Amino acid sequence: MYNRYAESARVNWTLNFAASDPQHKAEWMELMTPKSVGLILRSIKTDYKFVSCARYWSSWRLAEFLKHKPTQDTDHFILDVLILSEAQRRPAARCTEDIVVYDYRTAKKSPLPSFMIQKFQDTFNLQEQAKDKNSIRVRGLLDRVRELEKGSWDRPDAKEDFGSAAP
């Protein structure tokens, strides 16, 4: 089920580009068909974080991330997919999808079309900005926790209460 969720999320991810790029909407939509240039899943690897009953789509959130910034000669791309369980409030699985750009007219791999390269580069840059911003936030939280620990556990007069076996 997790692989199916990841594939559905990839299609939705691509369709979101079509919605945000009206100038190339037809080309984005055509990527899901075998008419000209399309996307083919070359491989998928799934690391299961915990086993859960994957029954309801509404209880899952998926996030896709480009692994590398594409260039003009890129003929494939890798998506990291994080599958989050809303019920468990934690990651359920992580997938790595290797996707090939395939030209059905010539029956061989093809470089990414230019309209995709620019959108993917913009997306990758936004991912990196979000990573930097959130890394700073996490470091701030860790610093605050460390200060709390210093004020309570790390005092010279602090004693750990191990409880008592006596009633």
C-alpha atoms as a PDB file:
ATOM      1  CA  MET A   1       0.000   0.000   0.000  1.00  0.00           C
ATOM      2  CA  TYR A   2       2.833   2.429   0.816  1.00  0.00           C
ATOM      3  CA  ASN A   3       4.271   2.060  -2.706  1.00  0.00           C
ATOM      4  CA  ARG A   4       0.841   2.681  -4.170  1.00  0.00           C
ATOM      5  CA  TYR A   5       0.471   5.801  -2.013  1.00  0.00           C
ATOM      6  CA  ALA A   6       3.896   7.022  -3.149  1.00  0.00           C
ATOM      7  CA  GLU A   7       3.012   6.537  -6.825  1.00  0.00           C
ATOM      8  CA  SER A   8      -0.313   8.330  -6.419  1.00  0.00           C
ATOM      9  CA  ALA A   9       1.451  11.175  -4.618  1.00  0.00           C
ATOM     10  CA  ARG A  10       3.972  11.459  -7.475  1.00  0.00           C
ATOM     11  CA  VAL A  11       1.161  11.825 -10.004  1.00  0.00           C
ATOM     12  CA  ASN A  12      -0.500  14.483  -7.823  1.00  0.00           C
ATOM     13  CA  TRP A  13       2.870  16.216  -7.360  1.00  0.00           C
ATOM     14  CA  THR A  14       3.266  16.410 -11.140  1.00  0.00           C
ATOM     15  CA  LEU A  15      -0.319  17.629 -11.612  1.00  0.00           C
ATOM     16  CA  ASN A  16       0.359  20.392  -9.079  1.00  0.00           C
ATOM     17  CA  PHE A  17       3.088  21.651 -11.395  1.00  0.00           C
ATOM     18  CA  ALA A  18       0.515  21.712 -14.197  1.00  0.00           C
ATOM     19  CA  ALA A  19      -1.773  23.849 -12.038  1.00  0.00           C
ATOM     20  CA  SER A  20       1.017  26.274 -11.093  1.00  0.00           C
ATOM     21  CA  ASP A  21       2.444  26.564 -14.631  1.00  0.00           C
ATOM     22  CA  PRO A  22      -0.475  27.445 -16.944  1.00  0.00           C
ATOM     23  CA  GLN A  23       1.879  28.185 -19.835  1.00  0.00           C
ATOM     24  CA  HIS A  24       3.002  24.529 -19.901  1.00  0.00           C
ATOM     25  CA  LYS A  25      -0.085  22.887 -18.433  1.00  0.00           C
ATOM     26  CA  ALA A  26      -0.637  20.652 -21.473  1.00  0.00           C
ATOM     27  CA  GLU A  27       2.958  19.389 -21.361  1.00  0.00           C
ATOM     28  CA  TRP A  28       2.734  18.632 -17.623  1.00  0.00           C
ATOM     29  CA  MET A  29      -0.531  16.745 -18.164  1.00  0.00           C
ATOM     30  CA  GLU A  30       0.953  14.825 -21.085  1.00  0.00           C
ATOM     31  CA  LEU A  31       3.731  13.482 -18.831  1.00  0.00           C
ATOM     32  CA  MET A  32       1.155  11.071 -17.421  1.00  0.00           C
ATOM     33  CA  THR A  33       0.378   9.613 -20.867  1.00  0.00           C
ATOM     34  CA  PRO A  34       2.406   7.544 -23.368  1.00  0.00           C
ATOM     35  CA  LYS A  35       1.987  10.149 -26.147  1.00  0.00           C
ATOM     36  CA  SER A  36       5.317  11.985 -26.223  1.00  0.00           C
ATOM     37  CA  VAL A  37       7.639  12.540 -23.257  1.00  0.00           C
ATOM     38  CA  GLY A  38       6.551  10.775 -20.109  1.00  0.00           C
ATOM     39  CA  LEU A  39       7.746   9.690 -16.697  1.00  0.00           C
ATOM     40  CA  ILE A  40       8.480   6.047 -15.952  1.00  0.00           C
ATOM     41  CA  LEU A  41       9.225   4.676 -12.509  1.00  0.00           C
ATOM     42  CA  ARG A  42      12.563   2.881 -12.851  1.00  0.00           C
ATOM     43  CA  SER A  43      12.721   1.721  -9.242  1.00  0.00           C
ATOM     44  CA  ILE A  44      11.232   2.295  -5.840  1.00  0.00           C
ATOM     45  CA  LYS A  45      12.791   1.435  -2.489  1.00  0.00           C
ATOM     46  CA  THR A  46      10.686   1.489   0.657  1.00  0.00           C
ATOM     47  CA  ASP A  47      12.003   1.590   4.208  1.00  0.00           C
ATOM     48  CA  TYR A  48       9.250   0.721   6.641  1.00  0.00           C
ATOM     49  CA  LYS A  49       9.378   2.615   9.938  1.00  0.00           C
ATOM     50  CA  PHE A  50       6.492   0.711  11.493  1.00  0.00           C
ATOM     51  CA  VAL A  51       3.783  -1.633  10.310  1.00  0.00           C
ATOM     52  CA  SER A  52       0.329  -0.218  10.415  1.00  0.00           C
ATOM     53  CA  CYS A  53      -2.992  -0.931   8.884  1.00  0.00           C
ATOM     54  CA  ALA A  54      -2.857   1.251   5.767  1.00  0.00           C
ATOM     55  CA  ARG A  55      -6.601   1.375   5.149  1.00  0.00           C
ATOM     56  CA  TYR A  56      -7.622   4.967   4.777  1.00  0.00           C
ATOM     57  CA  TRP A  57      -5.982   7.528   2.516  1.00  0.00           C
ATOM     58  CA  SER A  58      -7.230  10.359   4.717  1.00  0.00           C
ATOM     59  CA  SER A  59      -5.095   9.159   7.621  1.00  0.00           C
ATOM     60  CA  TRP A  60      -1.842   9.573   5.659  1.00  0.00           C
ATOM     61  CA  ARG A  61       0.180  12.581   4.555  1.00  0.00           C
ATOM     62  CA  LEU A  62       2.868  12.314   1.928  1.00  0.00           C
ATOM     63  CA  ALA A  63       5.672  14.718   1.178  1.00  0.00           C
ATOM     64  CA  GLU A  64       7.865  14.516  -1.927  1.00  0.00           C
ATOM     65  CA  PHE A  65      11.331  16.041  -2.139  1.00  0.00           C
ATOM     66  CA  LEU A  66      13.714  16.272  -5.077  1.00  0.00           C
ATOM     67  CA  LYS A  67      16.977  14.641  -4.060  1.00  0.00           C
ATOM     68  CA  HIS A  68      19.184  16.589  -6.513  1.00  0.00           C
ATOM     69  CA  LYS A  69      18.978  19.835  -8.429  1.00  0.00           C
ATOM     70  CA  PRO A  70      18.420  18.985 -12.113  1.00  0.00           C
ATOM     71  CA  THR A  71      20.623  20.252 -14.926  1.00  0.00           C
ATOM     72  CA  GLN A  72      20.179  20.513 -18.705  1.00  0.00           C
ATOM     73  CA  ASP A  73      21.375  16.937 -19.320  1.00  0.00           C
ATOM     74  CA  THR A  74      19.354  15.309 -16.533  1.00  0.00           C
ATOM     75  CA  ASP A  75      17.403  12.318 -17.888  1.00  0.00           C
ATOM     76  CA  HIS A  76      16.073  11.063 -14.565  1.00  0.00           C
ATOM     77  CA  PHE A  77      15.370  12.366 -11.098  1.00  0.00           C
ATOM     78  CA  ILE A  78      15.045  10.911  -7.640  1.00  0.00           C
ATOM     79  CA  LEU A  79      12.183  11.732  -5.324  1.00  0.00           C
ATOM     80  CA  ASP A  80      12.350  11.101  -1.606  1.00  0.00           C
ATOM     81  CA  VAL A  81       8.855  10.406  -0.299  1.00  0.00           C
ATOM     82  CA  LEU A  82       7.945  10.586   3.365  1.00  0.00           C
ATOM     83  CA  ILE A  83       4.719   8.821   4.352  1.00  0.00           C
ATOM     84  CA  LEU A  84       3.361  10.152   7.628  1.00  0.00           C
ATOM     85  CA  SER A  85       0.678   8.473   9.687  1.00  0.00           C
ATOM     86  CA  GLU A  86      -1.735  11.038  11.093  1.00  0.00           C
ATOM     87  CA  ALA A  87      -3.113   8.506  13.563  1.00  0.00           C
ATOM     88  CA  GLN A  88       0.347   7.591  14.906  1.00  0.00           C
ATOM     89  CA  ARG A  89       1.748  11.110  14.393  1.00  0.00           C
ATOM     90  CA  ARG A  90       5.020   9.800  13.011  1.00  0.00           C
ATOM     91  CA  PRO A  91       6.658   8.576   9.804  1.00  0.00           C
ATOM     92  CA  ALA A  92       5.332   5.226   8.650  1.00  0.00           C
ATOM     93  CA  ALA A  93       7.668   4.744   5.701  1.00  0.00           C
ATOM     94  CA  ARG A  94      10.197   6.418   3.486  1.00  0.00           C
ATOM     95  CA  CYS A  95      10.387   5.715  -0.226  1.00  0.00           C
ATOM     96  CA  THR A  96      13.015   6.586  -2.787  1.00  0.00           C
ATOM     97  CA  GLU A  97      11.677   6.746  -6.343  1.00  0.00           C
ATOM     98  CA  ASP A  98      13.997   6.797  -9.351  1.00  0.00           C
ATOM     99  CA  ILE A  99      12.020   8.263 -12.259  1.00  0.00           C
ATOM    100  CA  VAL A 100      13.199   8.237 -15.856  1.00  0.00           C
ATOM    101  CA  VAL A 101      12.146  10.717 -18.507  1.00  0.00           C
ATOM    102  CA  TYR A 102      11.157   8.611 -21.519  1.00  0.00           C
ATOM    103  CA  ASP A 103      10.357   9.753 -25.051  1.00  0.00           C
ATOM    104  CA  TYR A 104       7.700   7.383 -26.392  1.00  0.00           C
ATOM    105  CA  ARG A 105       8.164   8.674 -29.959  1.00  0.00           C
ATOM    106  CA  THR A 106      11.845   7.656 -30.110  1.00  0.00           C
ATOM    107  CA  ALA A 107      11.486   4.785 -27.603  1.00  0.00           C
ATOM    108  CA  LYS A 108      14.427   5.874 -25.443  1.00  0.00           C
ATOM    109  CA  LYS A 109      15.400   7.988 -22.468  1.00  0.00           C
ATOM    110  CA  SER A 110      15.276  11.719 -22.943  1.00  0.00           C
ATOM    111  CA  PRO A 111      16.619  14.733 -21.047  1.00  0.00           C
ATOM    112  CA  LEU A 112      14.161  16.668 -18.931  1.00  0.00           C
ATOM    113  CA  PRO A 113      12.236  19.171 -21.062  1.00  0.00           C
ATOM    114  CA  SER A 114      13.280  22.769 -20.342  1.00  0.00           C
ATOM    115  CA  PHE A 115       9.927  23.677 -18.739  1.00  0.00           C
ATOM    116  CA  MET A 116      10.507  20.909 -16.167  1.00  0.00           C
ATOM    117  CA  ILE A 117      14.109  21.868 -15.457  1.00  0.00           C
ATOM    118  CA  GLN A 118      13.212  25.411 -14.405  1.00  0.00           C
ATOM    119  CA  LYS A 119      10.302  24.312 -12.195  1.00  0.00           C
ATOM    120  CA  PHE A 120      12.359  21.534 -10.599  1.00  0.00           C
ATOM    121  CA  GLN A 121      15.276  23.908  -9.958  1.00  0.00           C
ATOM    122  CA  ASP A 122      12.907  26.412  -8.332  1.00  0.00           C
ATOM    123  CA  THR A 123      11.381  23.641  -6.227  1.00  0.00           C
ATOM    124  CA  PHE A 124      14.792  22.345  -5.172  1.00  0.00           C
ATOM    125  CA  ASN A 125      15.856  25.877  -4.164  1.00  0.00           C
ATOM    126  CA  LEU A 126      12.695  26.279  -2.068  1.00  0.00           C
ATOM    127  CA  GLN A 127      13.391  22.931  -0.390  1.00  0.00           C
ATOM    128  CA  GLU A 128      16.912  24.042   0.508  1.00  0.00           C
ATOM    129  CA  GLN A 129      15.638  27.350   1.915  1.00  0.00           C
ATOM    130  CA  ALA A 130      13.058  25.502   4.039  1.00  0.00           C
ATOM    131  CA  LYS A 131      15.729  23.061   5.232  1.00  0.00           C
ATOM    132  CA  ASP A 132      18.009  25.921   6.297  1.00  0.00           C
ATOM    133  CA  LYS A 133      15.188  27.790   8.049  1.00  0.00           C
ATOM    134  CA  ASN A 134      13.977  24.700   9.905  1.00  0.00           C
ATOM    135  CA  SER A 135      17.508  23.634  10.865  1.00  0.00           C
ATOM    136  CA  ILE A 136      17.923  26.982  12.601  1.00  0.00           C
ATOM    137  CA  ARG A 137      14.618  26.468  14.425  1.00  0.00           C
ATOM    138  CA  VAL A 138      15.623  22.973  15.548  1.00  0.00           C
ATOM    139  CA  ARG A 139      19.015  24.214  16.803  1.00  0.00           C
ATOM    140  CA  GLY A 140      17.169  26.913  18.760  1.00  0.00           C
ATOM    141  CA  LEU A 141      14.874  24.328  20.341  1.00  0.00           C
ATOM    142  CA  LEU A 142      17.814  22.087  21.245  1.00  0.00           C
ATOM    143  CA  ASP A 143      19.589  25.068  22.823  1.00  0.00           C
ATOM    144  CA  ARG A 144      16.488  25.858  24.889  1.00  0.00           C
ATOM    145  CA  VAL A 145      16.177  22.229  26.047  1.00  0.00           C
ATOM    146  CA  ARG A 146      19.866  22.213  27.000  1.00  0.00           C
ATOM    147  CA  GLU A 147      19.360  25.366  29.083  1.00  0.00           C
ATOM    148  CA  LEU A 148      16.424  23.709  30.868  1.00  0.00           C
ATOM    149  CA  GLU A 149      18.558  20.653  31.560  1.00  0.00           C
ATOM    150  CA  LYS A 150      21.351  22.807  32.959  1.00  0.00           C
ATOM    151  CA  GLY A 151      18.885  24.526  35.272  1.00  0.00           C
ATOM    152  CA  SER A 152      17.460  21.296  36.657  1.00  0.00           C
ATOM    153  CA  TRP A 153      19.404  18.072  36.050  1.00  0.00           C
ATOM    154  CA  ASP A 154      22.900  19.464  35.707  1.00  0.00           C
ATOM    155  CA  ARG A 155      22.946  21.418  39.007  1.00  0.00           C
ATOM    156  CA  PRO A 156      25.608  20.318  41.508  1.00  0.00           C
ATOM    157  CA  ASP A 157      22.941  19.794  44.191  1.00  0.00           C
ATOM    158  CA  ALA A 158      20.555  17.862  41.911  1.00  0.00           C
ATOM    159  CA  LYS A 159      19.639  14.337  43.042  1.00  0.00           C
ATOM    160  CA  GLU A 160      17.848  11.766  41.005  1.00  0.00           C
ATOM    161  CA  ASP A 161      14.804  10.240  42.654  1.00  0.00           C
ATOM    162  CA  PHE A 162      14.843   6.494  41.959  1.00  0.00           C
ATOM    163  CA  GLY A 163      11.625   5.935  43.866  1.00  0.00           C
ATOM    164  CA  SER A 164      11.203   3.460  46.641  1.00  0.00           C
ATOM    165  CA  ALA A 165      10.338  -0.215  46.796  1.00  0.00           C
ATOM    166  CA  ALA A 166       8.963   0.197  50.305  1.00  0.00           C
ATOM    167  CA  PRO A 167       5.239   0.955  50.688  1.00  0.00           C
END
